[in-house]
N, C-alpha and C. Protein backbone atom coordinates (compact mmCIF):
# COMPACT_ATOMS: atom_id res chain seq x y z
N UNK A 1 -7.12 -12.32 -12.30
CA UNK A 1 -6.68 -10.95 -12.47
C UNK A 1 -6.39 -10.34 -11.09
N UNK A 2 -5.21 -9.78 -10.90
CA UNK A 2 -4.89 -9.21 -9.58
C UNK A 2 -5.60 -7.89 -9.33
N UNK A 3 -5.81 -7.60 -8.07
CA UNK A 3 -6.26 -6.28 -7.65
C UNK A 3 -5.03 -5.44 -7.33
N UNK A 4 -5.21 -4.15 -7.25
CA UNK A 4 -4.13 -3.20 -6.99
C UNK A 4 -4.46 -2.41 -5.74
N UNK A 5 -3.46 -2.30 -4.85
CA UNK A 5 -3.60 -1.63 -3.56
C UNK A 5 -2.57 -0.53 -3.42
N UNK A 6 -3.00 0.63 -2.96
CA UNK A 6 -2.10 1.74 -2.65
C UNK A 6 -2.18 1.93 -1.14
N UNK A 7 -1.03 1.79 -0.47
CA UNK A 7 -1.01 1.74 0.98
C UNK A 7 0.03 2.70 1.56
N UNK A 8 -0.16 3.03 2.81
CA UNK A 8 0.80 3.83 3.54
C UNK A 8 1.71 2.96 4.38
N UNK A 9 2.75 3.56 4.91
CA UNK A 9 3.68 2.84 5.76
C UNK A 9 4.22 3.75 6.86
N UNK A 10 3.40 4.71 7.27
CA UNK A 10 3.79 5.64 8.34
C UNK A 10 2.87 5.43 9.52
N UNK A 11 3.45 5.25 10.69
CA UNK A 11 2.64 5.12 11.89
C UNK A 11 2.48 6.49 12.50
N UNK A 12 1.24 6.90 12.69
CA UNK A 12 0.97 8.22 13.21
C UNK A 12 1.28 9.33 12.22
N UNK A 13 1.47 8.99 10.95
CA UNK A 13 1.73 9.98 9.92
C UNK A 13 3.17 10.45 9.83
N UNK A 14 4.02 10.04 10.77
CA UNK A 14 5.40 10.54 10.75
C UNK A 14 6.46 9.46 10.93
N UNK A 15 6.09 8.35 11.51
CA UNK A 15 7.06 7.28 11.81
C UNK A 15 7.09 6.29 10.65
N UNK A 16 7.93 6.57 9.65
CA UNK A 16 7.97 5.78 8.42
C UNK A 16 8.53 4.38 8.68
N UNK A 17 7.77 3.38 8.27
CA UNK A 17 8.12 1.97 8.47
C UNK A 17 8.52 1.27 7.18
N UNK A 18 8.49 1.98 6.05
CA UNK A 18 8.66 1.30 4.77
C UNK A 18 9.99 0.58 4.64
N UNK A 19 11.10 1.14 5.10
CA UNK A 19 12.38 0.44 4.97
C UNK A 19 12.40 -0.85 5.78
N UNK A 20 11.79 -0.81 6.97
CA UNK A 20 11.67 -2.03 7.78
C UNK A 20 10.80 -3.06 7.07
N UNK A 21 9.70 -2.61 6.46
CA UNK A 21 8.83 -3.52 5.73
C UNK A 21 9.57 -4.16 4.56
N UNK A 22 10.35 -3.38 3.85
CA UNK A 22 11.10 -3.90 2.70
C UNK A 22 12.09 -4.97 3.17
N UNK A 23 12.85 -4.66 4.23
CA UNK A 23 13.84 -5.61 4.76
C UNK A 23 13.20 -6.91 5.22
N UNK A 24 12.01 -6.83 5.81
CA UNK A 24 11.33 -8.02 6.35
C UNK A 24 10.46 -8.73 5.32
N UNK A 25 10.24 -8.11 4.16
CA UNK A 25 9.39 -8.71 3.15
C UNK A 25 7.92 -8.73 3.55
N UNK A 26 7.48 -7.63 4.19
CA UNK A 26 6.09 -7.55 4.66
C UNK A 26 5.50 -6.18 4.38
N UNK A 27 4.22 -6.06 4.59
CA UNK A 27 3.52 -4.80 4.80
C UNK A 27 2.53 -5.08 5.92
N UNK A 28 2.38 -4.14 6.84
CA UNK A 28 1.51 -4.36 7.97
C UNK A 28 0.61 -3.15 8.20
N UNK A 29 -0.64 -3.44 8.53
CA UNK A 29 -1.62 -2.42 8.87
C UNK A 29 -2.16 -2.75 10.26
N UNK A 30 -2.06 -1.79 11.17
CA UNK A 30 -2.64 -1.95 12.50
C UNK A 30 -3.71 -0.90 12.73
N UNK A 31 -4.59 -1.14 13.68
CA UNK A 31 -5.65 -0.19 13.98
C UNK A 31 -6.16 -0.43 15.39
N UNK A 32 -6.93 0.53 15.87
CA UNK A 32 -7.55 0.40 17.17
C UNK A 32 -8.64 -0.67 17.09
N UNK A 33 -8.79 -1.43 18.17
CA UNK A 33 -9.79 -2.49 18.19
C UNK A 33 -11.18 -1.93 17.88
N UNK A 34 -11.92 -2.65 17.09
CA UNK A 34 -13.26 -2.22 16.71
C UNK A 34 -13.30 -1.33 15.49
N UNK A 35 -12.15 -1.00 14.93
CA UNK A 35 -12.12 -0.13 13.75
C UNK A 35 -11.40 -0.81 12.59
N UNK A 36 -11.60 -2.11 12.44
CA UNK A 36 -10.93 -2.86 11.39
C UNK A 36 -11.38 -2.38 10.02
N UNK A 37 -10.42 -2.02 9.18
CA UNK A 37 -10.77 -1.62 7.81
C UNK A 37 -11.26 -2.83 7.02
N UNK A 38 -12.45 -2.75 6.48
CA UNK A 38 -13.01 -3.89 5.75
C UNK A 38 -12.25 -4.15 4.45
N UNK A 39 -11.61 -3.13 3.90
CA UNK A 39 -10.85 -3.32 2.65
C UNK A 39 -9.75 -4.37 2.81
N UNK A 40 -9.07 -4.36 3.94
CA UNK A 40 -7.93 -5.24 4.14
C UNK A 40 -8.29 -6.71 4.00
N UNK A 41 -9.52 -7.07 4.34
CA UNK A 41 -9.92 -8.47 4.25
C UNK A 41 -10.03 -8.94 2.80
N UNK A 42 -10.00 -8.02 1.84
CA UNK A 42 -10.08 -8.37 0.42
C UNK A 42 -8.70 -8.59 -0.20
N UNK A 43 -7.62 -8.30 0.53
CA UNK A 43 -6.28 -8.51 -0.02
C UNK A 43 -6.02 -10.01 -0.16
N UNK A 44 -5.31 -10.38 -1.25
CA UNK A 44 -5.05 -11.80 -1.49
C UNK A 44 -3.72 -12.00 -2.22
N UNK A 45 -3.25 -13.22 -2.18
CA UNK A 45 -2.02 -13.57 -2.89
C UNK A 45 -2.15 -13.21 -4.37
N UNK A 46 -1.09 -12.66 -4.92
CA UNK A 46 -1.06 -12.27 -6.33
C UNK A 46 -1.46 -10.84 -6.58
N UNK A 47 -2.11 -10.19 -5.59
CA UNK A 47 -2.44 -8.78 -5.74
C UNK A 47 -1.17 -7.94 -5.75
N UNK A 48 -1.26 -6.78 -6.37
CA UNK A 48 -0.13 -5.84 -6.42
C UNK A 48 -0.31 -4.80 -5.32
N UNK A 49 0.82 -4.34 -4.76
CA UNK A 49 0.79 -3.39 -3.66
C UNK A 49 1.83 -2.30 -3.91
N UNK A 50 1.47 -1.06 -3.61
CA UNK A 50 2.39 0.07 -3.77
C UNK A 50 2.37 0.88 -2.48
N UNK A 51 3.55 1.14 -1.93
CA UNK A 51 3.65 2.02 -0.76
C UNK A 51 3.81 3.44 -1.24
N UNK A 52 2.94 4.32 -0.70
CA UNK A 52 2.93 5.73 -1.11
C UNK A 52 3.18 6.62 0.11
N UNK A 53 3.49 7.86 -0.19
CA UNK A 53 3.49 8.94 0.80
C UNK A 53 2.75 10.11 0.19
N UNK A 54 2.10 10.85 1.04
CA UNK A 54 1.38 12.04 0.58
C UNK A 54 2.39 13.14 0.25
N UNK A 55 2.06 13.91 -0.77
CA UNK A 55 2.84 15.11 -1.07
C UNK A 55 2.12 16.34 -0.54
N UNK A 56 0.89 16.18 -0.12
CA UNK A 56 0.03 17.26 0.36
C UNK A 56 -1.39 16.91 -0.02
N UNK A 57 -2.34 17.53 0.61
CA UNK A 57 -3.75 17.19 0.38
C UNK A 57 -4.20 17.41 -1.06
N UNK A 58 -3.63 18.33 -1.76
CA UNK A 58 -4.09 18.64 -3.11
C UNK A 58 -3.03 18.40 -4.18
N UNK A 59 -1.91 17.82 -3.80
CA UNK A 59 -0.80 17.76 -4.75
C UNK A 59 -0.38 16.35 -5.13
N UNK A 60 -1.20 15.35 -4.90
CA UNK A 60 -0.88 14.01 -5.35
C UNK A 60 -0.12 13.19 -4.32
N UNK A 61 0.44 12.07 -4.81
CA UNK A 61 1.17 11.13 -3.96
C UNK A 61 2.50 10.79 -4.61
N UNK A 62 3.38 10.22 -3.83
CA UNK A 62 4.67 9.74 -4.31
C UNK A 62 4.75 8.23 -4.02
N UNK A 63 5.03 7.44 -5.03
CA UNK A 63 5.13 5.99 -4.90
C UNK A 63 6.59 5.61 -4.67
N UNK A 64 6.83 4.84 -3.60
CA UNK A 64 8.19 4.47 -3.24
C UNK A 64 8.54 3.01 -3.53
N UNK A 65 7.58 2.10 -3.33
CA UNK A 65 7.89 0.67 -3.44
C UNK A 65 6.73 -0.06 -4.08
N UNK A 66 7.05 -1.05 -4.91
CA UNK A 66 6.05 -1.89 -5.57
C UNK A 66 6.32 -3.34 -5.24
N UNK A 67 5.24 -4.09 -5.02
CA UNK A 67 5.41 -5.49 -4.70
C UNK A 67 4.22 -6.34 -5.10
N UNK A 68 4.40 -7.64 -4.90
CA UNK A 68 3.36 -8.63 -5.15
C UNK A 68 3.09 -9.33 -3.83
N UNK A 69 1.82 -9.34 -3.43
CA UNK A 69 1.45 -9.98 -2.17
C UNK A 69 1.57 -11.49 -2.32
N UNK A 70 2.29 -12.11 -1.37
CA UNK A 70 2.45 -13.57 -1.38
C UNK A 70 1.48 -14.26 -0.43
N UNK A 71 1.10 -13.58 0.65
CA UNK A 71 0.18 -14.16 1.61
C UNK A 71 -0.38 -13.08 2.51
N UNK A 72 -1.50 -13.38 3.17
CA UNK A 72 -2.17 -12.41 4.03
C UNK A 72 -2.56 -13.09 5.34
N UNK A 73 -2.21 -12.44 6.45
CA UNK A 73 -2.60 -12.90 7.77
C UNK A 73 -3.54 -11.85 8.35
N UNK A 74 -4.78 -12.24 8.61
CA UNK A 74 -5.77 -11.33 9.19
C UNK A 74 -5.89 -11.65 10.67
N UNK A 75 -5.62 -10.66 11.52
CA UNK A 75 -5.75 -10.83 12.95
C UNK A 75 -6.74 -9.81 13.49
N UNK A 76 -6.98 -9.84 14.79
CA UNK A 76 -7.96 -8.97 15.41
C UNK A 76 -7.63 -7.50 15.23
N UNK A 77 -6.37 -7.13 15.36
CA UNK A 77 -6.02 -5.71 15.32
C UNK A 77 -4.96 -5.38 14.27
N UNK A 78 -4.71 -6.29 13.33
CA UNK A 78 -3.75 -5.97 12.27
C UNK A 78 -3.89 -6.92 11.10
N UNK A 79 -3.35 -6.49 9.98
CA UNK A 79 -3.21 -7.31 8.79
C UNK A 79 -1.73 -7.33 8.46
N UNK A 80 -1.20 -8.50 8.21
CA UNK A 80 0.19 -8.62 7.80
C UNK A 80 0.21 -9.32 6.44
N UNK A 81 0.79 -8.67 5.46
CA UNK A 81 0.97 -9.26 4.14
C UNK A 81 2.44 -9.61 3.97
N UNK A 82 2.71 -10.83 3.53
CA UNK A 82 4.06 -11.12 3.07
C UNK A 82 4.12 -10.63 1.63
N UNK A 83 5.24 -9.97 1.29
CA UNK A 83 5.32 -9.29 0.00
C UNK A 83 6.68 -9.56 -0.65
N UNK A 84 6.64 -9.80 -1.94
CA UNK A 84 7.85 -9.83 -2.76
C UNK A 84 8.01 -8.42 -3.31
N UNK A 85 8.88 -7.63 -2.70
CA UNK A 85 9.10 -6.24 -3.14
C UNK A 85 9.94 -6.27 -4.39
N UNK A 86 9.35 -5.94 -5.54
CA UNK A 86 10.02 -6.07 -6.83
C UNK A 86 10.68 -4.78 -7.31
N UNK A 87 10.28 -3.63 -6.77
CA UNK A 87 10.91 -2.35 -7.11
C UNK A 87 10.86 -1.48 -5.86
N UNK A 88 12.01 -0.94 -5.45
CA UNK A 88 12.07 -0.16 -4.22
C UNK A 88 12.74 1.19 -4.48
N UNK A 89 12.49 2.11 -3.55
CA UNK A 89 13.11 3.44 -3.58
C UNK A 89 12.87 4.18 -4.90
N UNK A 90 11.64 4.15 -5.38
CA UNK A 90 11.32 4.75 -6.67
C UNK A 90 11.18 6.27 -6.62
N UNK A 91 10.43 6.80 -5.66
CA UNK A 91 10.17 8.23 -5.62
C UNK A 91 9.37 8.73 -6.80
N UNK A 92 8.42 7.94 -7.27
CA UNK A 92 7.62 8.26 -8.46
C UNK A 92 6.47 9.20 -8.10
N UNK A 93 6.44 10.38 -8.72
CA UNK A 93 5.38 11.35 -8.48
C UNK A 93 4.14 11.00 -9.30
N UNK A 94 3.00 10.97 -8.62
CA UNK A 94 1.71 10.73 -9.25
C UNK A 94 0.85 11.96 -8.98
N UNK A 95 0.48 12.68 -10.02
CA UNK A 95 -0.22 13.95 -9.86
C UNK A 95 -1.61 13.78 -9.27
N UNK A 96 -2.33 12.75 -9.70
CA UNK A 96 -3.69 12.52 -9.20
C UNK A 96 -3.65 11.54 -8.03
N UNK A 97 -4.17 11.95 -6.89
CA UNK A 97 -4.12 11.10 -5.69
C UNK A 97 -5.29 10.14 -5.60
N UNK A 98 -6.41 10.44 -6.24
CA UNK A 98 -7.66 9.69 -6.11
C UNK A 98 -8.04 9.50 -4.64
N UNK A 99 -7.67 10.47 -3.80
CA UNK A 99 -8.05 10.43 -2.40
C UNK A 99 -7.25 9.46 -1.54
N UNK A 100 -6.11 9.01 -2.03
CA UNK A 100 -5.29 8.01 -1.31
C UNK A 100 -4.47 8.68 -0.21
N UNK A 101 -5.15 9.12 0.84
CA UNK A 101 -4.45 9.81 1.92
C UNK A 101 -4.43 9.02 3.22
N UNK A 102 -5.14 7.89 3.29
CA UNK A 102 -5.13 7.08 4.49
C UNK A 102 -4.23 5.87 4.28
N UNK A 103 -4.33 4.89 5.17
CA UNK A 103 -3.40 3.77 5.17
C UNK A 103 -3.62 2.72 4.10
N UNK A 104 -4.86 2.57 3.64
CA UNK A 104 -5.12 1.53 2.64
C UNK A 104 -6.21 1.99 1.68
N UNK A 105 -5.94 1.78 0.39
CA UNK A 105 -6.89 2.14 -0.65
C UNK A 105 -6.91 1.05 -1.71
N UNK A 106 -8.09 0.70 -2.13
CA UNK A 106 -8.27 -0.34 -3.12
C UNK A 106 -9.44 -1.22 -2.69
N UNK A 107 -9.67 -2.26 -3.41
CA UNK A 107 -8.89 -2.67 -4.57
C UNK A 107 -9.23 -1.83 -5.80
N UNK A 108 -8.19 -1.54 -6.57
CA UNK A 108 -8.36 -0.84 -7.84
C UNK A 108 -8.23 -1.85 -8.96
N UNK A 109 -8.99 -1.64 -10.02
CA UNK A 109 -8.83 -2.43 -11.23
C UNK A 109 -7.86 -1.70 -12.15
N UNK A 110 -7.31 -2.45 -13.07
CA UNK A 110 -6.30 -1.88 -13.96
C UNK A 110 -6.92 -0.81 -14.86
N UNK A 111 -6.31 0.38 -14.84
CA UNK A 111 -6.66 1.48 -15.75
C UNK A 111 -5.41 2.33 -15.93
N UNK A 112 -5.52 3.47 -16.59
CA UNK A 112 -4.33 4.29 -16.89
C UNK A 112 -3.66 4.79 -15.60
N UNK A 113 -4.44 5.15 -14.58
CA UNK A 113 -3.88 5.63 -13.31
C UNK A 113 -3.11 4.52 -12.61
N UNK A 114 -3.68 3.33 -12.55
CA UNK A 114 -2.99 2.18 -11.96
C UNK A 114 -1.73 1.85 -12.74
N UNK A 115 -1.81 1.94 -14.06
CA UNK A 115 -0.63 1.69 -14.90
C UNK A 115 0.49 2.67 -14.57
N UNK A 116 0.14 3.93 -14.37
CA UNK A 116 1.15 4.94 -14.03
C UNK A 116 1.84 4.60 -12.71
N UNK A 117 1.10 4.11 -11.75
CA UNK A 117 1.67 3.75 -10.45
C UNK A 117 2.50 2.49 -10.52
N UNK A 118 1.98 1.44 -11.17
CA UNK A 118 2.56 0.11 -11.07
C UNK A 118 3.49 -0.29 -12.21
N UNK A 119 3.67 0.56 -13.23
CA UNK A 119 4.53 0.15 -14.34
C UNK A 119 5.97 0.00 -13.86
N UNK A 120 6.65 -0.98 -14.42
CA UNK A 120 8.06 -1.25 -14.07
C UNK A 120 9.00 -0.80 -15.16
């Protein structure tokens, strides 16, 4: 059973990388040394991934791209996932954010909220 990940693609909150990620077939997370997100080490092939953007702290998220993780490279200061992007440029509004305001959230198990994000 796959896990579900909701991730960001903006560096510094303003430099959107999602189109580059789509073109390259990847998603990448970088961080300052010593602050590795433990969640990223749980990502695996077959998991589902959705790139989101915040609509505001209290107003939900917008889902732009959906994919299936093909592989994961864990390095000292970044995680690189190879991704088969299966749906792009969606602009899907999700009213409930579940606190997904940082770069990586999950793993989520399948429920109605995940279905709303990941349905094709």
